[in-house]
């Protein structure tokens, strides 16, 4: 168990590490047929259960309810936490807008910022990690808190040594107008549910350098609501005509 010196094994004893004969997946993970061939570190959520095998003693199984892969190949050995956006919005800083849960304990602290850059992970993985928190999810990570000075007082920043991204998702279907991509439901443009894909039509005309023809312009962006004068033109789709 992360953050603990001992783990309760299938035979009921507490040991520094436990052997299990099989790895099983519960719920929607059961149909994922996972493989672990790239030797990157993984973090599993679940429990060890007793299981007696023919002609053998109780070797136990691990029943997994969540599987998370590390962002890099570095072995995490600092405190393991879950990071969640608590919804607090401030007009000054530091703003303690994140909750940090110490895994396998009941301890929680508020922090003002999160640094994922020192892990050496790719920008794509860091963006996905922040997207998890922005969409109300919990990001699993390993690291330490540091006091940081701010013009309006002291903040508390979590500096990650490693973070973990979900290998499988419990999403079985996306709303109309969205498709499953990279662990999330997204519009064709890439807006993550429940954000809407806004198409802006018109505005500054574009002159084709080869034909000298003047055409209208269009652009896309992701928005929270489809406010007037914009209007819905399909599931997950919103459009606005610019002067």
C-alpha atoms as a PDB file:
ATOM      1  CA  UNK A   1       0.000   0.000   0.000  1.00  0.00           C
ATOM      2  CA  UNK A   2       1.395   3.369  -0.915  1.00  0.00           C
ATOM      3  CA  UNK A   3       2.255   5.621   2.036  1.00  0.00           C
ATOM      4  CA  UNK A   4       2.303   2.541   4.302  1.00  0.00           C
ATOM      5  CA  UNK A   5       5.158   0.329   5.460  1.00  0.00           C
ATOM      6  CA  UNK A   6       3.077  -2.876   5.465  1.00  0.00           C
ATOM      7  CA  UNK A   7       0.328  -4.434   3.349  1.00  0.00           C
ATOM      8  CA  UNK A   8      -2.214  -7.022   4.471  1.00  0.00           C
ATOM      9  CA  UNK A   9      -1.659 -10.112   2.310  1.00  0.00           C
ATOM     10  CA  UNK A  10      -4.119 -12.782   1.209  1.00  0.00           C
ATOM     11  CA  UNK A  11      -3.333 -14.948   4.266  1.00  0.00           C
ATOM     12  CA  UNK A  12      -4.157 -12.081   6.642  1.00  0.00           C
ATOM     13  CA  UNK A  13      -0.579 -11.299   7.660  1.00  0.00           C
ATOM     14  CA  UNK A  14       0.985  -7.875   7.175  1.00  0.00           C
ATOM     15  CA  UNK A  15       4.156  -7.846   5.075  1.00  0.00           C
ATOM     16  CA  UNK A  16       6.402  -5.366   3.274  1.00  0.00           C
ATOM     17  CA  UNK A  17       5.185  -6.876   0.005  1.00  0.00           C
ATOM     18  CA  UNK A  18       2.614  -9.490  -0.987  1.00  0.00           C
ATOM     19  CA  UNK A  19       2.513 -12.131  -3.687  1.00  0.00           C
ATOM     20  CA  UNK A  20      -0.687 -12.728  -5.660  1.00  0.00           C
ATOM     21  CA  UNK A  21      -1.212 -15.441  -8.272  1.00  0.00           C
ATOM     22  CA  UNK A  22      -3.613 -13.516 -10.507  1.00  0.00           C
ATOM     23  CA  UNK A  23      -4.608  -9.999 -11.457  1.00  0.00           C
ATOM     24  CA  UNK A  24      -8.333  -9.535 -12.018  1.00  0.00           C
ATOM     25  CA  UNK A  25     -10.323  -6.531 -13.245  1.00  0.00           C
ATOM     26  CA  UNK A  26     -13.706  -5.477 -11.929  1.00  0.00           C
ATOM     27  CA  UNK A  27     -16.590  -3.771 -13.669  1.00  0.00           C
ATOM     28  CA  UNK A  28     -15.957  -2.101 -17.001  1.00  0.00           C
ATOM     29  CA  UNK A  29     -12.242  -2.927 -16.748  1.00  0.00           C
ATOM     30  CA  UNK A  30     -13.027  -6.629 -17.138  1.00  0.00           C
ATOM     31  CA  UNK A  31     -13.566  -6.271 -20.881  1.00  0.00           C
ATOM     32  CA  UNK A  32     -10.449  -4.188 -21.519  1.00  0.00           C
ATOM     33  CA  UNK A  33      -8.019  -7.119 -21.910  1.00  0.00           C
ATOM     34  CA  UNK A  34      -5.108  -5.055 -20.571  1.00  0.00           C
ATOM     35  CA  UNK A  35      -1.477  -5.780 -21.315  1.00  0.00           C
ATOM     36  CA  UNK A  36       1.581  -4.347 -19.588  1.00  0.00           C
ATOM     37  CA  UNK A  37       4.385  -4.751 -22.074  1.00  0.00           C
ATOM     38  CA  UNK A  38       6.237  -1.432 -21.909  1.00  0.00           C
ATOM     39  CA  UNK A  39       7.590  -1.922 -18.347  1.00  0.00           C
ATOM     40  CA  UNK A  40       6.494   1.537 -17.207  1.00  0.00           C
ATOM     41  CA  UNK A  41       5.583   1.784 -13.497  1.00  0.00           C
ATOM     42  CA  UNK A  42       1.891   1.359 -12.707  1.00  0.00           C
ATOM     43  CA  UNK A  43      -0.293   2.327  -9.790  1.00  0.00           C
ATOM     44  CA  UNK A  44      -3.244   0.018  -9.072  1.00  0.00           C
ATOM     45  CA  UNK A  45      -6.393   0.731  -7.117  1.00  0.00           C
ATOM     46  CA  UNK A  46      -8.132  -2.285  -5.613  1.00  0.00           C
ATOM     47  CA  UNK A  47      -7.694  -4.937  -2.961  1.00  0.00           C
ATOM     48  CA  UNK A  48      -6.036  -8.266  -2.276  1.00  0.00           C
ATOM     49  CA  UNK A  49      -8.485 -11.147  -1.876  1.00  0.00           C
ATOM     50  CA  UNK A  50      -7.862 -14.708  -0.623  1.00  0.00           C
ATOM     51  CA  UNK A  51      -7.922 -17.407  -3.300  1.00  0.00           C
ATOM     52  CA  UNK A  52      -6.903 -21.062  -2.880  1.00  0.00           C
ATOM     53  CA  UNK A  53      -5.568 -22.701  -6.026  1.00  0.00           C
ATOM     54  CA  UNK A  54      -5.718 -26.458  -6.668  1.00  0.00           C
ATOM     55  CA  UNK A  55      -2.910 -28.298  -4.845  1.00  0.00           C
ATOM     56  CA  UNK A  56      -1.533 -24.976  -3.636  1.00  0.00           C
ATOM     57  CA  UNK A  57      -2.067 -22.885  -0.555  1.00  0.00           C
ATOM     58  CA  UNK A  58      -3.900 -19.558  -0.469  1.00  0.00           C
ATOM     59  CA  UNK A  59      -1.922 -17.522  -3.010  1.00  0.00           C
ATOM     60  CA  UNK A  60      -4.461 -14.730  -3.342  1.00  0.00           C
ATOM     61  CA  UNK A  61      -5.555 -12.484  -6.205  1.00  0.00           C
ATOM     62  CA  UNK A  62      -5.539  -8.723  -6.720  1.00  0.00           C
ATOM     63  CA  UNK A  63      -8.922  -7.331  -7.749  1.00  0.00           C
ATOM     64  CA  UNK A  64      -8.276  -4.055  -9.583  1.00  0.00           C
ATOM     65  CA  UNK A  65     -10.825  -1.269  -9.861  1.00  0.00           C
ATOM     66  CA  UNK A  66      -8.414   1.236 -11.395  1.00  0.00           C
ATOM     67  CA  UNK A  67      -5.148   1.114 -13.343  1.00  0.00           C
ATOM     68  CA  UNK A  68      -2.865   4.134 -13.740  1.00  0.00           C
ATOM     69  CA  UNK A  69       0.399   4.421 -15.669  1.00  0.00           C
ATOM     70  CA  UNK A  70       3.254   6.714 -14.683  1.00  0.00           C
ATOM     71  CA  UNK A  71       3.988   9.678 -16.925  1.00  0.00           C
ATOM     72  CA  UNK A  72       7.697   8.767 -17.079  1.00  0.00           C
ATOM     73  CA  UNK A  73       9.819   5.716 -16.265  1.00  0.00           C
ATOM     74  CA  UNK A  74      11.000   7.153 -12.938  1.00  0.00           C
ATOM     75  CA  UNK A  75      10.020   5.077  -9.896  1.00  0.00           C
ATOM     76  CA  UNK A  76       7.933   7.158  -7.503  1.00  0.00           C
ATOM     77  CA  UNK A  77       9.115   7.015  -3.895  1.00  0.00           C
ATOM     78  CA  UNK A  78       7.688  10.153  -2.303  1.00  0.00           C
ATOM     79  CA  UNK A  79       4.249  10.712  -0.779  1.00  0.00           C
ATOM     80  CA  UNK A  80       1.347   9.486  -2.942  1.00  0.00           C
ATOM     81  CA  UNK A  81      -1.618  11.826  -3.182  1.00  0.00           C
ATOM     82  CA  UNK A  82      -4.809  12.549  -5.055  1.00  0.00           C
ATOM     83  CA  UNK A  83      -5.161  16.109  -6.367  1.00  0.00           C
ATOM     84  CA  UNK A  84      -8.553  17.687  -6.998  1.00  0.00           C
ATOM     85  CA  UNK A  85      -9.796  21.146  -7.967  1.00  0.00           C
ATOM     86  CA  UNK A  86     -12.052  22.249  -5.087  1.00  0.00           C
ATOM     87  CA  UNK A  87     -13.827  24.988  -7.056  1.00  0.00           C
ATOM     88  CA  UNK A  88     -12.533  27.917  -5.004  1.00  0.00           C
ATOM     89  CA  UNK A  89     -12.016  31.030  -7.152  1.00  0.00           C
ATOM     90  CA  UNK A  90      -9.997  33.999  -5.897  1.00  0.00           C
ATOM     91  CA  UNK A  91      -9.209  37.496  -7.122  1.00  0.00           C
ATOM     92  CA  UNK A  92      -5.860  37.520  -5.316  1.00  0.00           C
ATOM     93  CA  UNK A  93      -3.092  35.000  -4.824  1.00  0.00           C
ATOM     94  CA  UNK A  94      -2.185  32.688  -3.277  1.00  0.00           C
ATOM     95  CA  UNK A  95      -5.498  30.926  -3.877  1.00  0.00           C
ATOM     96  CA  UNK A  96      -5.920  27.542  -2.193  1.00  0.00           C
ATOM     97  CA  UNK A  97      -8.043  26.090  -4.985  1.00  0.00           C
ATOM     98  CA  UNK A  98      -6.827  22.467  -4.798  1.00  0.00           C
ATOM     99  CA  UNK A  99      -7.427  19.686  -2.286  1.00  0.00           C
ATOM    100  CA  UNK A 100      -4.641  17.183  -1.706  1.00  0.00           C
ATOM    101  CA  UNK A 101      -5.699  13.792  -0.345  1.00  0.00           C
ATOM    102  CA  UNK A 102      -2.993  11.578   1.160  1.00  0.00           C
ATOM    103  CA  UNK A 103      -3.717   8.122  -0.279  1.00  0.00           C
ATOM    104  CA  UNK A 104      -4.590   5.352   2.185  1.00  0.00           C
ATOM    105  CA  UNK A 105      -5.187   7.909   4.953  1.00  0.00           C
ATOM    106  CA  UNK A 106      -7.929  10.314   5.969  1.00  0.00           C
ATOM    107  CA  UNK A 107      -5.678  13.356   5.731  1.00  0.00           C
ATOM    108  CA  UNK A 108      -6.442  16.245   3.379  1.00  0.00           C
ATOM    109  CA  UNK A 109      -4.737  19.612   2.961  1.00  0.00           C
ATOM    110  CA  UNK A 110      -5.471  22.605   0.765  1.00  0.00           C
ATOM    111  CA  UNK A 111      -2.761  23.754  -1.648  1.00  0.00           C
ATOM    112  CA  UNK A 112      -2.457  26.793  -3.865  1.00  0.00           C
ATOM    113  CA  UNK A 113      -0.586  25.449  -6.895  1.00  0.00           C
ATOM    114  CA  UNK A 114       0.669  22.284  -8.586  1.00  0.00           C
ATOM    115  CA  UNK A 115       3.988  21.888 -10.421  1.00  0.00           C
ATOM    116  CA  UNK A 116       4.048  18.931 -12.827  1.00  0.00           C
ATOM    117  CA  UNK A 117       6.893  20.246 -14.983  1.00  0.00           C
ATOM    118  CA  UNK A 118       9.732  18.861 -12.864  1.00  0.00           C
ATOM    119  CA  UNK A 119       8.657  15.289 -13.602  1.00  0.00           C
ATOM    120  CA  UNK A 120      10.125  15.537 -17.097  1.00  0.00           C
ATOM    121  CA  UNK A 121       6.810  14.390 -18.594  1.00  0.00           C
ATOM    122  CA  UNK A 122       5.787  15.495 -22.067  1.00  0.00           C
ATOM    123  CA  UNK A 123       3.619  18.592 -22.495  1.00  0.00           C
ATOM    124  CA  UNK A 124       0.866  16.345 -23.875  1.00  0.00           C
ATOM    125  CA  UNK A 125       0.770  14.252 -20.700  1.00  0.00           C
ATOM    126  CA  UNK A 126       0.899  17.332 -18.461  1.00  0.00           C
ATOM    127  CA  UNK A 127      -2.007  18.833 -20.415  1.00  0.00           C
ATOM    128  CA  UNK A 128      -4.001  15.614 -20.017  1.00  0.00           C
ATOM    129  CA  UNK A 129      -3.275  15.602 -16.276  1.00  0.00           C
ATOM    130  CA  UNK A 130      -4.539  19.158 -15.901  1.00  0.00           C
ATOM    131  CA  UNK A 131      -7.552  18.294 -18.035  1.00  0.00           C
ATOM    132  CA  UNK A 132      -8.451  15.514 -15.592  1.00  0.00           C
ATOM    133  CA  UNK A 133      -8.591  18.030 -12.733  1.00  0.00           C
ATOM    134  CA  UNK A 134     -10.372  20.667 -14.837  1.00  0.00           C
ATOM    135  CA  UNK A 135     -13.130  18.144 -15.560  1.00  0.00           C
ATOM    136  CA  UNK A 136     -13.699  17.297 -11.901  1.00  0.00           C
ATOM    137  CA  UNK A 137     -11.431  14.238 -11.743  1.00  0.00           C
ATOM    138  CA  UNK A 138      -8.698  13.316  -9.274  1.00  0.00           C
ATOM    139  CA  UNK A 139      -5.084  13.236 -10.456  1.00  0.00           C
ATOM    140  CA  UNK A 140      -2.873  10.670  -8.708  1.00  0.00           C
ATOM    141  CA  UNK A 141       0.698  11.810  -8.120  1.00  0.00           C
ATOM    142  CA  UNK A 142       3.779  11.418  -5.951  1.00  0.00           C
ATOM    143  CA  UNK A 143       5.695  14.390  -4.576  1.00  0.00           C
ATOM    144  CA  UNK A 144       6.092  16.919  -1.776  1.00  0.00           C
ATOM    145  CA  UNK A 145       4.623  20.241  -0.689  1.00  0.00           C
ATOM    146  CA  UNK A 146       6.757  23.379  -0.638  1.00  0.00           C
ATOM    147  CA  UNK A 147       6.060  26.799   0.803  1.00  0.00           C
ATOM    148  CA  UNK A 148       6.170  29.497  -1.883  1.00  0.00           C
ATOM    149  CA  UNK A 149       6.296  33.237  -1.323  1.00  0.00           C
ATOM    150  CA  UNK A 150       3.615  35.391  -2.889  1.00  0.00           C
ATOM    151  CA  UNK A 151       3.027  39.108  -2.854  1.00  0.00           C
ATOM    152  CA  UNK A 152      -0.045  38.566  -0.658  1.00  0.00           C
ATOM    153  CA  UNK A 153       1.318  35.847   1.609  1.00  0.00           C
ATOM    154  CA  UNK A 154       2.645  32.325   1.619  1.00  0.00           C
ATOM    155  CA  UNK A 155       1.251  29.677  -0.689  1.00  0.00           C
ATOM    156  CA  UNK A 156       1.659  25.917  -0.625  1.00  0.00           C
ATOM    157  CA  UNK A 157       2.740  24.244  -3.861  1.00  0.00           C
ATOM    158  CA  UNK A 158       2.736  20.530  -4.605  1.00  0.00           C
ATOM    159  CA  UNK A 159       5.858  19.665  -6.620  1.00  0.00           C
ATOM    160  CA  UNK A 160       5.322  16.340  -8.362  1.00  0.00           C
ATOM    161  CA  UNK A 161       8.051  13.738  -8.667  1.00  0.00           C
ATOM    162  CA  UNK A 162       5.690  11.576 -10.732  1.00  0.00           C
ATOM    163  CA  UNK A 163       2.030  11.524 -11.771  1.00  0.00           C
ATOM    164  CA  UNK A 164      -0.208   8.760 -13.075  1.00  0.00           C
ATOM    165  CA  UNK A 165      -2.728   8.756 -15.912  1.00  0.00           C
ATOM    166  CA  UNK A 166      -5.662   6.312 -16.139  1.00  0.00           C
ATOM    167  CA  UNK A 167      -5.022   3.413 -18.506  1.00  0.00           C
ATOM    168  CA  UNK A 168      -8.700   2.535 -18.801  1.00  0.00           C
ATOM    169  CA  UNK A 169     -11.809   4.600 -18.431  1.00  0.00           C
ATOM    170  CA  UNK A 170     -15.202   3.771 -17.015  1.00  0.00           C
ATOM    171  CA  UNK A 171     -16.873   5.758 -19.816  1.00  0.00           C
ATOM    172  CA  UNK A 172     -18.958   3.373 -21.899  1.00  0.00           C
ATOM    173  CA  UNK A 173     -20.710   5.903 -24.154  1.00  0.00           C
ATOM    174  CA  UNK A 174     -20.454   9.600 -24.955  1.00  0.00           C
ATOM    175  CA  UNK A 175     -23.274  12.102 -25.405  1.00  0.00           C
ATOM    176  CA  UNK A 176     -24.402  12.858 -28.947  1.00  0.00           C
ATOM    177  CA  UNK A 177     -21.984  15.208 -30.671  1.00  0.00           C
ATOM    178  CA  UNK A 178     -19.010  13.776 -28.753  1.00  0.00           C
ATOM    179  CA  UNK A 179     -16.725  10.838 -29.394  1.00  0.00           C
ATOM    180  CA  UNK A 180     -14.380   8.989 -27.084  1.00  0.00           C
ATOM    181  CA  UNK A 181     -10.751  10.091 -27.504  1.00  0.00           C
ATOM    182  CA  UNK A 182      -7.717   9.804 -25.212  1.00  0.00           C
ATOM    183  CA  UNK A 183      -9.811   8.965 -22.173  1.00  0.00           C
ATOM    184  CA  UNK A 184     -12.446  11.692 -22.633  1.00  0.00           C
ATOM    185  CA  UNK A 185     -15.568  12.503 -24.622  1.00  0.00           C
ATOM    186  CA  UNK A 186     -14.676  15.220 -27.155  1.00  0.00           C
ATOM    187  CA  UNK A 187     -16.250  17.107 -30.049  1.00  0.00           C
ATOM    188  CA  UNK A 188     -14.652  16.725 -33.508  1.00  0.00           C
ATOM    189  CA  UNK A 189     -12.662  19.921 -32.826  1.00  0.00           C
ATOM    190  CA  UNK A 190     -11.471  18.523 -29.473  1.00  0.00           C
ATOM    191  CA  UNK A 191     -13.648  20.226 -26.860  1.00  0.00           C
ATOM    192  CA  UNK A 192     -13.969  18.011 -23.774  1.00  0.00           C
ATOM    193  CA  UNK A 193     -17.502  17.292 -22.494  1.00  0.00           C
ATOM    194  CA  UNK A 194     -19.405  19.236 -21.226  1.00  0.00           C
ATOM    195  CA  UNK A 195     -17.751  22.108 -23.118  1.00  0.00           C
ATOM    196  CA  UNK A 196     -19.323  23.094 -26.427  1.00  0.00           C
ATOM    197  CA  UNK A 197     -17.660  23.548 -29.807  1.00  0.00           C
ATOM    198  CA  UNK A 198     -18.280  27.124 -30.988  1.00  0.00           C
ATOM    199  CA  UNK A 199     -17.945  27.942 -34.701  1.00  0.00           C
ATOM    200  CA  UNK A 200     -17.551  31.674 -35.411  1.00  0.00           C
ATOM    201  CA  UNK A 201     -18.507  32.665 -38.962  1.00  0.00           C
ATOM    202  CA  UNK A 202     -17.707  35.959 -40.672  1.00  0.00           C
ATOM    203  CA  UNK A 203     -15.636  38.720 -39.224  1.00  0.00           C
ATOM    204  CA  UNK A 204     -12.553  39.970 -41.037  1.00  0.00           C
ATOM    205  CA  UNK A 205     -12.615  38.745 -44.671  1.00  0.00           C
ATOM    206  CA  UNK A 206      -9.748  36.662 -46.044  1.00  0.00           C
ATOM    207  CA  UNK A 207      -8.147  37.487 -49.422  1.00  0.00           C
ATOM    208  CA  UNK A 208      -6.753  34.508 -51.324  1.00  0.00           C
ATOM    209  CA  UNK A 209      -3.226  35.487 -52.431  1.00  0.00           C
ATOM    210  CA  UNK A 210      -3.450  33.319 -55.560  1.00  0.00           C
ATOM    211  CA  UNK A 211      -6.955  34.125 -56.853  1.00  0.00           C
ATOM    212  CA  UNK A 212      -7.504  37.550 -55.229  1.00  0.00           C
ATOM    213  CA  UNK A 213     -10.936  36.320 -54.191  1.00  0.00           C
ATOM    214  CA  UNK A 214     -12.372  37.598 -50.947  1.00  0.00           C
ATOM    215  CA  UNK A 215     -13.981  34.977 -48.715  1.00  0.00           C
ATOM    216  CA  UNK A 216     -15.480  34.897 -45.271  1.00  0.00           C
ATOM    217  CA  UNK A 217     -13.589  33.459 -42.346  1.00  0.00           C
ATOM    218  CA  UNK A 218     -14.411  30.921 -39.672  1.00  0.00           C
ATOM    219  CA  UNK A 219     -12.766  29.771 -36.458  1.00  0.00           C
ATOM    220  CA  UNK A 220     -13.482  27.284 -33.697  1.00  0.00           C
ATOM    221  CA  UNK A 221     -13.135  27.442 -29.943  1.00  0.00           C
ATOM    222  CA  UNK A 222     -14.395  25.685 -26.804  1.00  0.00           C
ATOM    223  CA  UNK A 223     -16.977  27.432 -24.608  1.00  0.00           C
ATOM    224  CA  UNK A 224     -18.956  26.622 -21.454  1.00  0.00           C
ATOM    225  CA  UNK A 225     -22.315  27.939 -22.686  1.00  0.00           C
ATOM    226  CA  UNK A 226     -23.957  28.906 -25.959  1.00  0.00           C
ATOM    227  CA  UNK A 227     -25.012  32.466 -25.108  1.00  0.00           C
ATOM    228  CA  UNK A 228     -26.972  34.823 -27.371  1.00  0.00           C
ATOM    229  CA  UNK A 229     -26.337  35.860 -30.128  1.00  0.00           C
ATOM    230  CA  UNK A 230     -24.847  32.384 -30.632  1.00  0.00           C
ATOM    231  CA  UNK A 231     -27.235  29.470 -31.152  1.00  0.00           C
ATOM    232  CA  UNK A 232     -27.149  25.685 -31.087  1.00  0.00           C
ATOM    233  CA  UNK A 233     -26.830  23.962 -34.444  1.00  0.00           C
ATOM    234  CA  UNK A 234     -26.453  20.370 -33.219  1.00  0.00           C
ATOM    235  CA  UNK A 235     -25.445  18.264 -30.205  1.00  0.00           C
ATOM    236  CA  UNK A 236     -22.361  19.806 -28.643  1.00  0.00           C
ATOM    237  CA  UNK A 237     -22.271  22.401 -31.432  1.00  0.00           C
ATOM    238  CA  UNK A 238     -22.829  26.146 -31.216  1.00  0.00           C
ATOM    239  CA  UNK A 239     -22.349  28.843 -33.881  1.00  0.00           C
ATOM    240  CA  UNK A 240     -22.281  32.621 -34.106  1.00  0.00           C
ATOM    241  CA  UNK A 241     -22.335  34.970 -37.077  1.00  0.00           C
ATOM    242  CA  UNK A 242     -19.878  37.845 -36.712  1.00  0.00           C
ATOM    243  CA  UNK A 243     -20.366  41.217 -38.430  1.00  0.00           C
END
